[in-house]
Every structure is written in structure tokens, then in C-alpha cells.
Amino acid sequence: MNEVKFGLLLTAGAVIGLAVALHRQRALGRAGLLTVIAATLAVSASLFLTQ
């Protein structure tokens, strides 16, 4: 795994972690949390598999 893919995984984890933190503080609803997770995973998978 090269550093681009590693960075992509770290960034996706950070985005999902931030969304979970916002959800726990009640600043982001459940639908928003699920949308962030789904979009992040879709984009990450797309970029990860095309490199």
C-alpha cells in the first residue's frame, strides 16, 4: 500500500470520526451521520480501487 492509499484511509477515518463526535454532541442528526458515513465510504472505495 502506497502513501496515497494510506492517506486516503486516514482521511476517511478522520471524517467519520468527526461526524460521530458531532452526532454525540447532538450537532448532527442520525440521518446526517449515516449520510456522511455512506458518502465517505463510497468516495474512499472509488478512489482506493481506481489507484
C-alpha atoms as a PDB file:
ATOM      1  CA  MET A   1       0.000   0.000   0.000  1.00  0.00           C
ATOM      2  CA  ASN A   2       1.485   3.313  -1.005  1.00  0.00           C
ATOM      3  CA  GLU A   3       1.274   6.527   0.964  1.00  0.00           C
ATOM      4  CA  VAL A   4      -1.614   7.894  -1.126  1.00  0.00           C
ATOM      5  CA  LYS A   5      -3.865   4.986  -0.184  1.00  0.00           C
ATOM      6  CA  PHE A   6      -2.732   5.195   3.431  1.00  0.00           C
ATOM      7  CA  GLY A   7      -3.549   8.907   3.495  1.00  0.00           C
ATOM      8  CA  LEU A   8      -6.949   8.202   1.974  1.00  0.00           C
ATOM      9  CA  LEU A   9      -7.738   5.709   4.731  1.00  0.00           C
ATOM     10  CA  LEU A  10      -6.588   8.132   7.439  1.00  0.00           C
ATOM     11  CA  THR A  11      -8.660  10.962   5.971  1.00  0.00           C
ATOM     12  CA  ALA A  12     -11.773   8.796   5.702  1.00  0.00           C
ATOM     13  CA  GLY A  13     -11.349   7.721   9.308  1.00  0.00           C
ATOM     14  CA  ALA A  14     -10.953  11.332  10.423  1.00  0.00           C
ATOM     15  CA  VAL A  15     -14.091  12.440   8.571  1.00  0.00           C
ATOM     16  CA  ILE A  16     -16.156   9.603  10.029  1.00  0.00           C
ATOM     17  CA  GLY A  17     -14.702  10.242  13.488  1.00  0.00           C
ATOM     18  CA  LEU A  18     -15.632  13.923  13.271  1.00  0.00           C
ATOM     19  CA  ALA A  19     -19.172  13.019  12.188  1.00  0.00           C
ATOM     20  CA  VAL A  20     -19.539  10.627  15.132  1.00  0.00           C
ATOM     21  CA  ALA A  21     -18.245  13.306  17.517  1.00  0.00           C
ATOM     22  CA  LEU A  22     -20.758  15.824  16.143  1.00  0.00           C
ATOM     23  CA  HIS A  23     -23.530  13.265  16.484  1.00  0.00           C
ATOM     24  CA  ARG A  24     -22.617  12.591  20.112  1.00  0.00           C
ATOM     25  CA  GLN A  25     -22.757  16.331  20.811  1.00  0.00           C
ATOM     26  CA  ARG A  26     -26.201  16.406  19.168  1.00  0.00           C
ATOM     27  CA  ALA A  27     -24.976  18.776  16.469  1.00  0.00           C
ATOM     28  CA  LEU A  28     -25.647  16.225  13.718  1.00  0.00           C
ATOM     29  CA  GLY A  29     -28.721  14.058  13.396  1.00  0.00           C
ATOM     30  CA  ARG A  30     -28.795  10.340  12.725  1.00  0.00           C
ATOM     31  CA  ALA A  31     -29.687  10.813   9.055  1.00  0.00           C
ATOM     32  CA  GLY A  32     -26.797  13.238   8.637  1.00  0.00           C
ATOM     33  CA  LEU A  33     -24.419  10.821  10.328  1.00  0.00           C
ATOM     34  CA  LEU A  34     -25.461   7.974   8.055  1.00  0.00           C
ATOM     35  CA  THR A  35     -25.181  10.224   5.005  1.00  0.00           C
ATOM     36  CA  VAL A  36     -21.642  11.274   5.947  1.00  0.00           C
ATOM     37  CA  ILE A  37     -20.593   7.672   6.548  1.00  0.00           C
ATOM     38  CA  ALA A  38     -22.127   6.391   3.307  1.00  0.00           C
ATOM     39  CA  ALA A  39     -20.685   9.202   1.195  1.00  0.00           C
ATOM     40  CA  THR A  40     -17.236   8.887   2.755  1.00  0.00           C
ATOM     41  CA  LEU A  41     -17.135   5.139   2.242  1.00  0.00           C
ATOM     42  CA  ALA A  42     -18.360   5.433  -1.353  1.00  0.00           C
ATOM     43  CA  VAL A  43     -15.804   8.074  -2.306  1.00  0.00           C
ATOM     44  CA  SER A  44     -12.992   6.302  -0.463  1.00  0.00           C
ATOM     45  CA  ALA A  45     -13.777   2.968  -2.100  1.00  0.00           C
ATOM     46  CA  SER A  46     -13.943   4.583  -5.509  1.00  0.00           C
ATOM     47  CA  LEU A  47     -10.620   6.361  -5.114  1.00  0.00           C
ATOM     48  CA  PHE A  48      -8.948   3.410  -3.403  1.00  0.00           C
ATOM     49  CA  LEU A  49      -9.893   0.942  -6.114  1.00  0.00           C
ATOM     50  CA  THR A  50      -9.020   3.177  -9.072  1.00  0.00           C
ATOM     51  CA  GLN A  51      -5.445   3.890  -7.986  1.00  0.00           C
END
